[in-house]
């Protein structure tokens, strides 16, 4: 385990008895830090720290969103051209195909809409994607499983905005699409409710 390797590194120069004491002290410290991080995250999840931005001018509004999962990229489109694009994090199993069921940590694929928004989200603002649609629900009913839901485009968890683009080091969501807080404010302002969103395994804009 990586954590035990760190403990051994911190205690390597001690004698046996001192090393054992150091080992348990460092383990305890790491456990307490883990509890503190979890507690901080839970508290901050209940607190929304920002007023949502106003809607952008019509010339800046997207009429279509496209997600390319292979490129980990979200595109804001208008009349077939790219207005802006953003690097994204997705579900931890983003490359395992489209979302099928609750808890599979996959990001959906298909044609959906931004159907509502939440300014008091546990992450910094969120736009809801209309998964599961009728076809997703029918497939789940036929297969006898829960298709899951609550798939959002959102910023970073409340209280963790300072990590910024470092969140892109891994795909860390349960299936949502995550961007930095400043990017989320842009997307929020430029994406009206009802905007179509297409999520594809791979997509490249025309040159």
N, C-alpha and C. Protein backbone atom coordinates (compact mmCIF):
# COMPACT_ATOMS: atom_id res chain seq x y z
N UNK A 1 0.84 -1.19 0.00
CA UNK A 1 0.00 0.00 0.00
C UNK A 1 0.88 1.24 0.00
N UNK A 2 0.54 2.29 -0.80
CA UNK A 2 1.37 3.49 -0.86
C UNK A 2 1.50 4.17 0.48
N UNK A 3 0.41 4.15 1.30
CA UNK A 3 0.47 4.80 2.60
C UNK A 3 1.49 4.18 3.51
N UNK A 4 1.59 2.84 3.50
CA UNK A 4 2.56 2.16 4.34
C UNK A 4 3.98 2.44 3.87
N UNK A 5 4.17 2.59 2.58
CA UNK A 5 5.48 2.95 2.06
C UNK A 5 5.91 4.31 2.57
N UNK A 6 4.97 5.25 2.65
CA UNK A 6 5.27 6.57 3.19
C UNK A 6 5.63 6.48 4.66
N UNK A 7 4.90 5.67 5.41
CA UNK A 7 5.20 5.50 6.84
C UNK A 7 6.61 4.96 7.02
N UNK A 8 6.97 3.93 6.26
CA UNK A 8 8.31 3.35 6.36
C UNK A 8 9.38 4.37 6.01
N UNK A 9 9.10 5.21 5.01
CA UNK A 9 10.06 6.23 4.61
C UNK A 9 10.28 7.23 5.73
N UNK A 10 9.20 7.64 6.40
CA UNK A 10 9.30 8.62 7.47
C UNK A 10 10.01 8.06 8.70
N UNK A 11 9.95 6.75 8.89
CA UNK A 11 10.48 6.14 10.12
C UNK A 11 11.74 5.31 9.89
N UNK A 12 12.33 5.37 8.72
CA UNK A 12 13.38 4.41 8.35
C UNK A 12 14.62 4.50 9.23
N UNK A 13 14.92 5.68 9.78
CA UNK A 13 16.18 5.85 10.51
C UNK A 13 16.06 5.51 11.99
N UNK A 14 14.87 5.17 12.46
CA UNK A 14 14.69 4.90 13.88
C UNK A 14 15.13 3.48 14.24
N UNK A 15 15.48 3.26 15.55
CA UNK A 15 15.69 1.91 16.04
C UNK A 15 14.37 1.15 16.04
N UNK A 16 14.45 -0.16 16.33
CA UNK A 16 13.25 -0.99 16.19
C UNK A 16 12.09 -0.48 17.03
N UNK A 17 12.34 -0.25 18.36
CA UNK A 17 11.25 0.18 19.23
C UNK A 17 10.74 1.56 18.83
N UNK A 18 11.69 2.48 18.57
CA UNK A 18 11.29 3.83 18.17
C UNK A 18 10.60 3.80 16.81
N UNK A 19 11.10 2.92 15.94
CA UNK A 19 10.49 2.82 14.61
C UNK A 19 9.04 2.35 14.72
N UNK A 20 8.80 1.39 15.61
CA UNK A 20 7.43 0.89 15.77
C UNK A 20 6.52 1.98 16.32
N UNK A 21 7.03 2.76 17.30
CA UNK A 21 6.23 3.86 17.83
C UNK A 21 5.96 4.90 16.74
N UNK A 22 7.00 5.22 15.99
CA UNK A 22 6.85 6.19 14.90
C UNK A 22 5.83 5.70 13.89
N UNK A 23 5.91 4.41 13.58
CA UNK A 23 5.00 3.79 12.61
C UNK A 23 3.55 4.02 13.02
N UNK A 24 3.22 3.73 14.28
CA UNK A 24 1.84 3.87 14.74
C UNK A 24 1.43 5.33 14.86
N UNK A 25 2.37 6.20 15.24
CA UNK A 25 2.05 7.62 15.32
C UNK A 25 1.72 8.19 13.95
N UNK A 26 2.53 7.81 12.95
CA UNK A 26 2.28 8.31 11.60
C UNK A 26 0.97 7.75 11.06
N UNK A 27 0.70 6.47 11.31
CA UNK A 27 -0.58 5.88 10.89
C UNK A 27 -1.75 6.62 11.54
N UNK A 28 -1.63 6.93 12.84
CA UNK A 28 -2.68 7.65 13.54
C UNK A 28 -2.86 9.04 12.94
N UNK A 29 -1.74 9.71 12.65
CA UNK A 29 -1.81 11.04 12.06
C UNK A 29 -2.50 11.01 10.70
N UNK A 30 -2.16 9.99 9.89
CA UNK A 30 -2.79 9.87 8.58
C UNK A 30 -4.29 9.59 8.71
N UNK A 31 -4.66 8.76 9.68
CA UNK A 31 -6.08 8.46 9.90
C UNK A 31 -6.83 9.71 10.32
N UNK A 32 -6.23 10.50 11.24
CA UNK A 32 -6.88 11.73 11.69
C UNK A 32 -7.01 12.73 10.55
N UNK A 33 -5.98 12.80 9.70
CA UNK A 33 -6.06 13.70 8.55
C UNK A 33 -7.19 13.26 7.61
N UNK A 34 -7.31 11.95 7.42
CA UNK A 34 -8.38 11.44 6.57
C UNK A 34 -9.76 11.79 7.11
N UNK A 35 -9.93 11.63 8.43
CA UNK A 35 -11.20 11.98 9.06
C UNK A 35 -11.47 13.47 8.92
N UNK A 36 -10.42 14.30 9.11
CA UNK A 36 -10.59 15.74 8.99
C UNK A 36 -11.00 16.14 7.59
N UNK A 37 -10.37 15.54 6.59
CA UNK A 37 -10.72 15.84 5.19
C UNK A 37 -12.16 15.45 4.91
N UNK A 38 -12.57 14.27 5.37
CA UNK A 38 -13.95 13.82 5.15
C UNK A 38 -14.94 14.75 5.84
N UNK A 39 -14.61 15.15 7.07
CA UNK A 39 -15.49 16.04 7.80
C UNK A 39 -15.61 17.39 7.13
N UNK A 40 -14.48 17.94 6.70
CA UNK A 40 -14.48 19.23 6.01
C UNK A 40 -15.32 19.16 4.75
N UNK A 41 -15.15 18.08 3.98
CA UNK A 41 -15.90 17.93 2.73
C UNK A 41 -17.40 17.85 3.00
N UNK A 42 -17.80 17.11 4.04
CA UNK A 42 -19.22 16.98 4.35
C UNK A 42 -19.82 18.31 4.79
N UNK A 43 -19.08 19.06 5.60
CA UNK A 43 -19.58 20.36 6.06
C UNK A 43 -19.70 21.32 4.88
N UNK A 44 -18.65 21.41 4.06
CA UNK A 44 -18.66 22.35 2.95
C UNK A 44 -19.69 21.97 1.89
N UNK A 45 -20.03 20.68 1.81
CA UNK A 45 -21.05 20.26 0.83
C UNK A 45 -22.40 20.89 1.12
N UNK A 46 -22.61 21.32 2.36
CA UNK A 46 -23.88 21.93 2.74
C UNK A 46 -23.86 23.44 2.55
N UNK A 47 -22.74 23.97 2.13
CA UNK A 47 -22.59 25.42 2.04
C UNK A 47 -22.31 25.82 0.60
N UNK A 48 -23.16 26.65 0.03
CA UNK A 48 -22.90 27.20 -1.30
C UNK A 48 -22.32 28.60 -1.12
N UNK A 49 -21.12 28.81 -1.62
CA UNK A 49 -20.38 30.04 -1.30
C UNK A 49 -20.51 31.13 -2.35
N UNK A 50 -21.18 30.87 -3.47
CA UNK A 50 -21.14 31.82 -4.57
C UNK A 50 -22.53 32.09 -5.12
N UNK A 51 -22.75 33.35 -5.50
CA UNK A 51 -23.95 33.70 -6.25
C UNK A 51 -23.74 33.27 -7.70
N UNK A 52 -24.74 32.66 -8.32
CA UNK A 52 -24.58 32.27 -9.72
C UNK A 52 -24.49 33.49 -10.62
N UNK A 53 -23.75 33.40 -11.71
CA UNK A 53 -23.64 34.53 -12.63
C UNK A 53 -24.93 34.73 -13.42
N UNK A 54 -25.12 35.93 -13.94
CA UNK A 54 -26.25 36.22 -14.80
C UNK A 54 -26.05 35.57 -16.16
N UNK A 55 -27.15 35.39 -16.88
CA UNK A 55 -27.05 34.80 -18.22
C UNK A 55 -26.28 35.74 -19.14
N UNK A 56 -25.46 35.17 -19.99
CA UNK A 56 -24.64 35.94 -20.92
C UNK A 56 -25.50 36.54 -22.03
N UNK A 57 -24.91 37.46 -22.76
CA UNK A 57 -25.58 38.05 -23.92
C UNK A 57 -25.89 36.98 -24.95
N UNK A 58 -26.93 37.21 -25.75
CA UNK A 58 -27.37 36.21 -26.73
C UNK A 58 -26.24 35.76 -27.64
N UNK A 59 -25.36 36.67 -28.02
CA UNK A 59 -24.28 36.33 -28.95
C UNK A 59 -23.29 35.34 -28.34
N UNK A 60 -23.31 35.21 -27.02
CA UNK A 60 -22.37 34.32 -26.33
C UNK A 60 -23.01 33.01 -25.88
N UNK A 61 -24.32 32.86 -26.12
CA UNK A 61 -25.02 31.68 -25.63
C UNK A 61 -24.78 30.47 -26.53
N UNK A 62 -24.62 29.32 -25.91
CA UNK A 62 -24.50 28.07 -26.65
C UNK A 62 -25.88 27.57 -27.05
N UNK A 63 -25.97 26.96 -28.23
CA UNK A 63 -27.22 26.31 -28.63
C UNK A 63 -27.07 24.78 -28.67
N UNK A 64 -25.88 24.30 -28.30
CA UNK A 64 -25.62 22.86 -28.30
C UNK A 64 -24.34 22.62 -27.52
N UNK A 65 -24.30 21.60 -26.69
CA UNK A 65 -23.08 21.16 -26.02
C UNK A 65 -22.69 19.80 -26.58
N UNK A 66 -21.39 19.60 -26.76
CA UNK A 66 -20.88 18.31 -27.21
C UNK A 66 -19.76 17.88 -26.27
N UNK A 67 -19.81 16.64 -25.83
CA UNK A 67 -18.75 16.07 -25.00
C UNK A 67 -18.06 14.97 -25.79
N UNK A 68 -16.74 15.06 -25.90
CA UNK A 68 -15.92 13.99 -26.46
C UNK A 68 -15.22 13.29 -25.31
N UNK A 69 -15.67 12.07 -24.99
CA UNK A 69 -15.13 11.37 -23.83
C UNK A 69 -13.66 11.00 -24.04
N UNK A 70 -13.30 10.59 -25.24
CA UNK A 70 -11.92 10.17 -25.49
C UNK A 70 -10.94 11.31 -25.27
N UNK A 71 -11.36 12.53 -25.61
CA UNK A 71 -10.50 13.70 -25.46
C UNK A 71 -10.70 14.40 -24.13
N UNK A 72 -11.68 13.93 -23.35
CA UNK A 72 -12.03 14.58 -22.08
C UNK A 72 -12.25 16.07 -22.30
N UNK A 73 -13.18 16.36 -23.22
CA UNK A 73 -13.38 17.74 -23.65
C UNK A 73 -14.87 18.04 -23.78
N UNK A 74 -15.27 19.21 -23.30
CA UNK A 74 -16.63 19.72 -23.43
C UNK A 74 -16.60 20.94 -24.34
N UNK A 75 -17.47 20.94 -25.35
CA UNK A 75 -17.53 22.02 -26.33
C UNK A 75 -18.86 22.76 -26.21
N UNK A 76 -18.78 24.09 -26.14
CA UNK A 76 -19.96 24.94 -26.27
C UNK A 76 -20.06 25.36 -27.73
N UNK A 77 -21.20 25.05 -28.35
CA UNK A 77 -21.38 25.28 -29.77
C UNK A 77 -22.45 26.34 -30.03
N UNK A 78 -22.31 27.02 -31.17
CA UNK A 78 -23.34 27.95 -31.64
C UNK A 78 -23.33 27.93 -33.16
N UNK A 79 -24.47 27.57 -33.75
CA UNK A 79 -24.59 27.48 -35.20
C UNK A 79 -23.50 26.60 -35.81
N UNK A 80 -23.17 25.51 -35.14
CA UNK A 80 -22.21 24.56 -35.67
C UNK A 80 -20.76 24.89 -35.47
N UNK A 81 -20.46 26.01 -34.82
CA UNK A 81 -19.06 26.38 -34.57
C UNK A 81 -18.78 26.35 -33.07
N UNK A 82 -17.51 26.15 -32.74
CA UNK A 82 -17.10 26.06 -31.33
C UNK A 82 -16.98 27.47 -30.75
N UNK A 83 -17.76 27.73 -29.71
CA UNK A 83 -17.62 28.98 -28.98
C UNK A 83 -16.49 28.91 -27.96
N UNK A 84 -16.43 27.80 -27.25
CA UNK A 84 -15.44 27.60 -26.18
C UNK A 84 -15.36 26.12 -25.90
N UNK A 85 -14.22 25.69 -25.38
CA UNK A 85 -14.09 24.29 -24.98
C UNK A 85 -13.34 24.20 -23.66
N UNK A 86 -13.57 23.11 -22.95
CA UNK A 86 -13.04 22.94 -21.60
C UNK A 86 -12.55 21.51 -21.39
N UNK A 87 -11.44 21.37 -20.68
CA UNK A 87 -11.00 20.05 -20.21
C UNK A 87 -11.94 19.60 -19.09
N UNK A 88 -12.23 18.32 -19.05
CA UNK A 88 -13.19 17.81 -18.08
C UNK A 88 -12.66 16.56 -17.37
N UNK A 89 -13.19 16.34 -16.18
CA UNK A 89 -13.08 15.04 -15.52
C UNK A 89 -14.44 14.38 -15.58
N UNK A 90 -14.45 13.05 -15.63
CA UNK A 90 -15.71 12.30 -15.76
C UNK A 90 -15.76 11.19 -14.73
N UNK A 91 -16.67 10.25 -14.97
CA UNK A 91 -16.77 9.10 -14.09
C UNK A 91 -15.50 8.28 -14.11
N UNK A 92 -15.20 7.65 -12.99
CA UNK A 92 -13.95 6.90 -12.86
C UNK A 92 -13.84 5.79 -13.90
N UNK A 93 -14.98 5.27 -14.40
CA UNK A 93 -14.96 4.24 -15.44
C UNK A 93 -15.50 4.83 -16.75
N UNK A 94 -15.06 6.03 -17.07
CA UNK A 94 -15.57 6.76 -18.24
C UNK A 94 -15.35 6.00 -19.54
N UNK A 95 -14.29 5.18 -19.61
CA UNK A 95 -13.95 4.47 -20.85
C UNK A 95 -14.58 3.09 -20.91
N UNK A 96 -15.50 2.79 -20.00
CA UNK A 96 -16.14 1.48 -19.99
C UNK A 96 -17.44 1.43 -20.76
N UNK A 97 -17.66 2.44 -21.64
CA UNK A 97 -18.90 2.51 -22.40
C UNK A 97 -19.90 3.41 -21.72
N UNK A 98 -21.12 3.49 -22.26
CA UNK A 98 -22.13 4.39 -21.69
C UNK A 98 -22.62 3.91 -20.33
N UNK A 99 -23.12 4.86 -19.56
CA UNK A 99 -23.68 4.52 -18.26
C UNK A 99 -24.83 3.54 -18.44
N UNK A 100 -24.88 2.53 -17.58
CA UNK A 100 -25.93 1.53 -17.63
C UNK A 100 -26.76 1.49 -16.36
N UNK A 101 -26.08 1.60 -15.22
CA UNK A 101 -26.79 1.36 -13.96
C UNK A 101 -26.23 2.22 -12.84
N UNK A 102 -27.02 2.35 -11.79
CA UNK A 102 -26.62 3.10 -10.61
C UNK A 102 -25.31 2.56 -10.05
N UNK A 103 -24.35 3.48 -9.80
CA UNK A 103 -23.10 3.09 -9.16
C UNK A 103 -22.04 2.53 -10.07
N UNK A 104 -22.27 2.53 -11.40
CA UNK A 104 -21.25 1.95 -12.29
C UNK A 104 -20.13 2.92 -12.63
N UNK A 105 -20.22 4.18 -12.14
CA UNK A 105 -19.17 5.20 -12.30
C UNK A 105 -18.87 5.49 -13.78
N UNK A 106 -19.86 5.31 -14.64
CA UNK A 106 -19.70 5.64 -16.05
C UNK A 106 -20.46 6.92 -16.38
N UNK A 107 -19.99 7.62 -17.40
CA UNK A 107 -20.66 8.81 -17.89
C UNK A 107 -21.55 8.41 -19.07
N UNK A 108 -22.80 8.90 -19.12
CA UNK A 108 -23.70 8.49 -20.20
C UNK A 108 -23.17 8.86 -21.58
N UNK A 109 -23.74 8.23 -22.59
CA UNK A 109 -23.51 8.59 -23.99
C UNK A 109 -24.87 8.69 -24.67
N UNK A 110 -25.01 9.69 -25.54
CA UNK A 110 -26.27 9.83 -26.26
C UNK A 110 -26.69 11.28 -26.37
N UNK A 111 -27.96 11.47 -26.73
CA UNK A 111 -28.55 12.80 -26.93
C UNK A 111 -29.44 13.13 -25.73
N UNK A 112 -29.10 14.21 -25.04
CA UNK A 112 -29.86 14.62 -23.86
C UNK A 112 -30.07 16.13 -23.90
N UNK A 113 -30.59 16.67 -22.80
CA UNK A 113 -30.77 18.12 -22.67
C UNK A 113 -30.35 18.57 -21.28
N UNK A 114 -30.00 19.84 -21.19
CA UNK A 114 -29.83 20.48 -19.88
C UNK A 114 -31.23 20.88 -19.45
N UNK A 115 -31.80 20.16 -18.49
CA UNK A 115 -33.22 20.38 -18.19
C UNK A 115 -33.48 21.17 -16.91
N UNK A 116 -32.50 21.30 -16.02
CA UNK A 116 -32.64 22.19 -14.88
C UNK A 116 -31.27 22.46 -14.28
N UNK A 117 -31.21 23.41 -13.37
CA UNK A 117 -29.93 23.80 -12.76
C UNK A 117 -30.09 23.98 -11.27
N UNK A 118 -28.97 23.86 -10.56
CA UNK A 118 -28.97 23.96 -9.10
C UNK A 118 -27.89 24.93 -8.63
N UNK A 119 -28.27 26.13 -8.17
CA UNK A 119 -27.27 27.07 -7.67
C UNK A 119 -26.77 26.72 -6.28
N UNK A 120 -27.46 25.80 -5.58
CA UNK A 120 -27.09 25.42 -4.22
C UNK A 120 -26.53 24.00 -4.20
N UNK A 121 -25.79 23.65 -5.21
CA UNK A 121 -25.26 22.30 -5.36
C UNK A 121 -24.16 22.00 -4.34
N UNK A 122 -23.91 20.71 -4.09
CA UNK A 122 -22.80 20.31 -3.22
C UNK A 122 -21.46 20.59 -3.90
N UNK A 123 -21.47 20.74 -5.21
CA UNK A 123 -20.32 21.25 -5.95
C UNK A 123 -20.66 22.66 -6.40
N UNK A 124 -19.68 23.36 -6.97
CA UNK A 124 -19.89 24.75 -7.34
C UNK A 124 -20.80 24.84 -8.57
N UNK A 125 -22.08 25.07 -8.33
CA UNK A 125 -23.10 25.17 -9.39
C UNK A 125 -23.22 23.85 -10.14
N UNK A 126 -24.38 23.58 -10.68
CA UNK A 126 -24.53 22.35 -11.47
C UNK A 126 -25.68 22.49 -12.46
N UNK A 127 -25.48 21.89 -13.62
CA UNK A 127 -26.48 21.80 -14.67
C UNK A 127 -26.86 20.34 -14.84
N UNK A 128 -28.14 20.04 -14.78
CA UNK A 128 -28.58 18.65 -14.83
C UNK A 128 -28.74 18.17 -16.27
N UNK A 129 -28.20 16.99 -16.55
CA UNK A 129 -28.33 16.33 -17.85
C UNK A 129 -29.50 15.34 -17.76
N UNK A 130 -30.34 15.31 -18.79
CA UNK A 130 -31.62 14.58 -18.72
C UNK A 130 -31.48 13.07 -18.85
N UNK A 131 -30.41 12.51 -18.33
CA UNK A 131 -30.27 11.06 -18.21
C UNK A 131 -30.93 10.61 -16.91
N UNK A 132 -31.68 9.51 -16.89
CA UNK A 132 -31.99 8.60 -18.00
C UNK A 132 -33.19 9.08 -18.80
N UNK A 133 -33.12 8.98 -20.12
CA UNK A 133 -34.28 9.31 -20.94
C UNK A 133 -35.17 8.07 -21.06
N UNK A 134 -36.21 8.18 -21.88
CA UNK A 134 -37.17 7.07 -21.98
C UNK A 134 -36.50 5.78 -22.45
N UNK A 135 -35.57 5.90 -23.40
CA UNK A 135 -34.89 4.70 -23.90
C UNK A 135 -34.01 4.07 -22.82
N UNK A 136 -33.32 4.90 -22.05
CA UNK A 136 -32.49 4.39 -20.96
C UNK A 136 -33.35 3.68 -19.91
N UNK A 137 -34.49 4.28 -19.59
CA UNK A 137 -35.37 3.68 -18.59
C UNK A 137 -35.96 2.37 -19.08
N UNK A 138 -36.34 2.33 -20.37
CA UNK A 138 -36.90 1.09 -20.92
C UNK A 138 -35.87 -0.04 -20.91
N UNK A 139 -34.63 0.31 -21.27
CA UNK A 139 -33.56 -0.69 -21.27
C UNK A 139 -33.30 -1.21 -19.86
N UNK A 140 -33.32 -0.30 -18.89
CA UNK A 140 -33.09 -0.71 -17.50
C UNK A 140 -34.24 -1.58 -16.99
N UNK A 141 -35.47 -1.21 -17.35
CA UNK A 141 -36.63 -2.00 -16.93
C UNK A 141 -36.57 -3.40 -17.51
N UNK A 142 -36.17 -3.49 -18.77
CA UNK A 142 -36.06 -4.80 -19.41
C UNK A 142 -34.97 -5.64 -18.76
N UNK A 143 -33.88 -4.97 -18.36
CA UNK A 143 -32.77 -5.69 -17.74
C UNK A 143 -32.93 -5.90 -16.25
N UNK A 144 -33.93 -5.24 -15.66
CA UNK A 144 -34.18 -5.42 -14.23
C UNK A 144 -33.18 -4.72 -13.34
N UNK A 145 -32.68 -3.56 -13.76
CA UNK A 145 -31.73 -2.83 -12.93
C UNK A 145 -32.09 -1.34 -12.89
N UNK A 146 -31.51 -0.63 -11.93
CA UNK A 146 -31.70 0.80 -11.76
C UNK A 146 -30.74 1.54 -12.68
N UNK A 147 -31.23 2.41 -13.60
CA UNK A 147 -30.33 3.09 -14.52
C UNK A 147 -29.49 4.19 -13.88
N UNK A 148 -29.80 4.54 -12.64
CA UNK A 148 -29.09 5.65 -12.01
C UNK A 148 -29.61 6.98 -12.51
N UNK A 149 -28.95 8.05 -12.15
CA UNK A 149 -29.39 9.38 -12.55
C UNK A 149 -28.59 10.46 -11.85
N UNK A 150 -29.17 11.66 -11.80
CA UNK A 150 -28.53 12.81 -11.16
C UNK A 150 -27.16 13.09 -11.78
N UNK A 151 -27.09 13.01 -13.10
CA UNK A 151 -25.85 13.30 -13.82
C UNK A 151 -25.80 14.79 -14.13
N UNK A 152 -24.74 15.43 -13.72
CA UNK A 152 -24.62 16.89 -13.80
C UNK A 152 -23.32 17.31 -14.50
N UNK A 153 -23.34 18.53 -15.00
CA UNK A 153 -22.10 19.27 -15.26
C UNK A 153 -21.90 20.16 -14.05
N UNK A 154 -20.76 20.08 -13.39
CA UNK A 154 -20.58 20.85 -12.16
C UNK A 154 -19.13 21.27 -11.98
N UNK A 155 -18.96 22.24 -11.05
CA UNK A 155 -17.62 22.64 -10.65
C UNK A 155 -17.08 21.70 -9.59
N UNK A 156 -16.10 22.19 -8.85
CA UNK A 156 -15.45 21.37 -7.83
C UNK A 156 -16.28 21.36 -6.54
N UNK A 157 -16.12 20.32 -5.72
CA UNK A 157 -16.87 20.27 -4.46
C UNK A 157 -16.64 21.55 -3.66
N UNK A 158 -17.70 22.03 -3.02
CA UNK A 158 -17.60 23.26 -2.24
C UNK A 158 -16.46 23.16 -1.23
N UNK A 159 -15.64 24.20 -1.22
CA UNK A 159 -14.49 24.24 -0.32
C UNK A 159 -13.20 23.74 -0.94
N UNK A 160 -13.28 23.16 -2.15
CA UNK A 160 -12.10 22.60 -2.80
C UNK A 160 -11.76 23.30 -4.12
N UNK A 161 -12.33 24.46 -4.33
CA UNK A 161 -12.10 25.17 -5.58
C UNK A 161 -10.65 25.53 -5.83
N UNK A 162 -9.86 25.68 -4.77
CA UNK A 162 -8.47 26.10 -4.93
C UNK A 162 -7.61 25.09 -5.66
N UNK A 163 -8.04 23.84 -5.74
CA UNK A 163 -7.20 22.86 -6.45
C UNK A 163 -7.24 23.08 -7.96
N UNK A 164 -8.24 23.83 -8.44
CA UNK A 164 -8.28 24.21 -9.85
C UNK A 164 -8.07 23.05 -10.81
N UNK A 165 -7.21 23.24 -11.81
CA UNK A 165 -7.03 22.21 -12.83
C UNK A 165 -6.37 20.93 -12.33
N UNK A 166 -5.87 20.92 -11.09
CA UNK A 166 -5.30 19.67 -10.56
C UNK A 166 -6.33 18.55 -10.51
N UNK A 167 -7.61 18.92 -10.50
CA UNK A 167 -8.64 17.87 -10.46
C UNK A 167 -8.61 17.01 -11.71
N UNK A 168 -7.98 17.52 -12.78
CA UNK A 168 -7.92 16.78 -14.04
C UNK A 168 -6.91 15.63 -14.01
N UNK A 169 -6.16 15.51 -12.93
CA UNK A 169 -5.18 14.43 -12.84
C UNK A 169 -5.84 13.06 -12.85
N UNK A 170 -7.11 13.01 -12.53
CA UNK A 170 -7.82 11.73 -12.56
C UNK A 170 -9.29 11.99 -12.86
N UNK A 171 -9.98 10.96 -13.35
CA UNK A 171 -11.43 11.01 -13.49
C UNK A 171 -12.02 10.56 -12.16
N UNK A 172 -12.69 11.48 -11.47
CA UNK A 172 -13.01 11.27 -10.07
C UNK A 172 -14.51 11.31 -9.75
N UNK A 173 -15.36 11.61 -10.72
CA UNK A 173 -16.78 11.70 -10.41
C UNK A 173 -17.45 10.32 -10.47
N UNK A 174 -18.72 10.29 -10.10
CA UNK A 174 -19.50 9.05 -10.19
C UNK A 174 -20.20 8.92 -11.55
N UNK A 175 -19.87 9.79 -12.48
CA UNK A 175 -20.50 9.78 -13.80
C UNK A 175 -20.78 11.18 -14.31
N UNK A 176 -20.65 12.17 -13.43
CA UNK A 176 -20.87 13.56 -13.83
C UNK A 176 -19.70 14.08 -14.66
N UNK A 177 -19.85 15.31 -15.14
CA UNK A 177 -18.83 15.99 -15.92
C UNK A 177 -18.37 17.19 -15.09
N UNK A 178 -17.10 17.23 -14.73
CA UNK A 178 -16.58 18.25 -13.80
C UNK A 178 -15.58 19.17 -14.49
N UNK A 179 -15.65 20.44 -14.12
CA UNK A 179 -14.73 21.47 -14.60
C UNK A 179 -14.30 22.31 -13.40
N UNK A 180 -13.39 23.25 -13.60
CA UNK A 180 -13.01 24.15 -12.52
C UNK A 180 -14.17 25.10 -12.22
N UNK A 181 -14.11 25.76 -11.08
CA UNK A 181 -15.19 26.66 -10.70
C UNK A 181 -15.34 27.84 -11.65
N UNK A 182 -14.22 28.43 -12.06
CA UNK A 182 -14.32 29.57 -12.99
C UNK A 182 -14.91 29.13 -14.32
N UNK A 183 -14.54 27.94 -14.78
CA UNK A 183 -15.12 27.42 -16.01
C UNK A 183 -16.61 27.13 -15.85
N UNK A 184 -16.98 26.63 -14.68
CA UNK A 184 -18.39 26.33 -14.44
C UNK A 184 -19.23 27.59 -14.48
N UNK A 185 -18.70 28.69 -14.00
CA UNK A 185 -19.44 29.95 -14.03
C UNK A 185 -19.67 30.39 -15.48
N UNK A 186 -18.67 30.20 -16.33
CA UNK A 186 -18.84 30.53 -17.75
C UNK A 186 -19.91 29.64 -18.38
N UNK A 187 -19.81 28.34 -18.12
CA UNK A 187 -20.76 27.39 -18.72
C UNK A 187 -22.17 27.68 -18.23
N UNK A 188 -22.32 27.96 -16.95
CA UNK A 188 -23.63 28.29 -16.37
C UNK A 188 -24.24 29.49 -17.09
N UNK A 189 -23.45 30.54 -17.28
CA UNK A 189 -23.95 31.77 -17.88
C UNK A 189 -24.28 31.61 -19.36
N UNK A 190 -23.61 30.68 -20.03
CA UNK A 190 -23.73 30.57 -21.48
C UNK A 190 -24.60 29.40 -21.94
N UNK A 191 -25.19 28.67 -21.00
CA UNK A 191 -25.97 27.48 -21.35
C UNK A 191 -27.38 27.60 -20.77
N UNK A 192 -28.35 28.02 -21.57
CA UNK A 192 -29.73 28.11 -21.08
C UNK A 192 -30.33 26.72 -20.83
N UNK A 193 -31.31 26.66 -19.95
CA UNK A 193 -32.07 25.42 -19.79
C UNK A 193 -32.70 25.03 -21.12
N UNK A 194 -32.74 23.74 -21.40
CA UNK A 194 -33.27 23.26 -22.67
C UNK A 194 -32.22 23.04 -23.73
N UNK A 195 -30.98 23.45 -23.47
CA UNK A 195 -29.91 23.28 -24.46
C UNK A 195 -29.62 21.80 -24.68
N UNK A 196 -29.58 21.33 -25.94
CA UNK A 196 -29.23 19.93 -26.19
C UNK A 196 -27.76 19.66 -25.84
N UNK A 197 -27.50 18.46 -25.37
CA UNK A 197 -26.12 18.03 -25.12
C UNK A 197 -25.94 16.64 -25.72
N UNK A 198 -24.89 16.50 -26.51
CA UNK A 198 -24.54 15.23 -27.14
C UNK A 198 -23.26 14.72 -26.48
N UNK A 199 -23.30 13.52 -25.94
CA UNK A 199 -22.13 12.92 -25.31
C UNK A 199 -21.70 11.74 -26.16
N UNK A 200 -20.48 11.84 -26.71
CA UNK A 200 -20.00 10.84 -27.66
C UNK A 200 -18.72 10.17 -27.13
N UNK A 201 -18.48 8.93 -27.56
CA UNK A 201 -17.19 8.31 -27.21
C UNK A 201 -16.02 9.13 -27.73
N UNK A 202 -16.18 9.70 -28.91
CA UNK A 202 -15.11 10.50 -29.51
C UNK A 202 -15.72 11.47 -30.51
N UNK A 203 -15.21 12.69 -30.54
CA UNK A 203 -15.69 13.70 -31.49
C UNK A 203 -14.59 14.73 -31.69
N UNK A 204 -14.41 15.14 -32.93
CA UNK A 204 -13.42 16.17 -33.26
C UNK A 204 -14.12 17.27 -34.04
N UNK A 205 -14.00 18.53 -33.62
CA UNK A 205 -14.65 19.62 -34.35
C UNK A 205 -14.03 19.79 -35.74
N UNK A 206 -14.85 20.24 -36.66
CA UNK A 206 -14.34 20.50 -38.01
C UNK A 206 -13.37 21.66 -37.98
N UNK A 207 -12.33 21.55 -38.81
CA UNK A 207 -11.32 22.61 -38.85
C UNK A 207 -11.90 23.86 -39.48
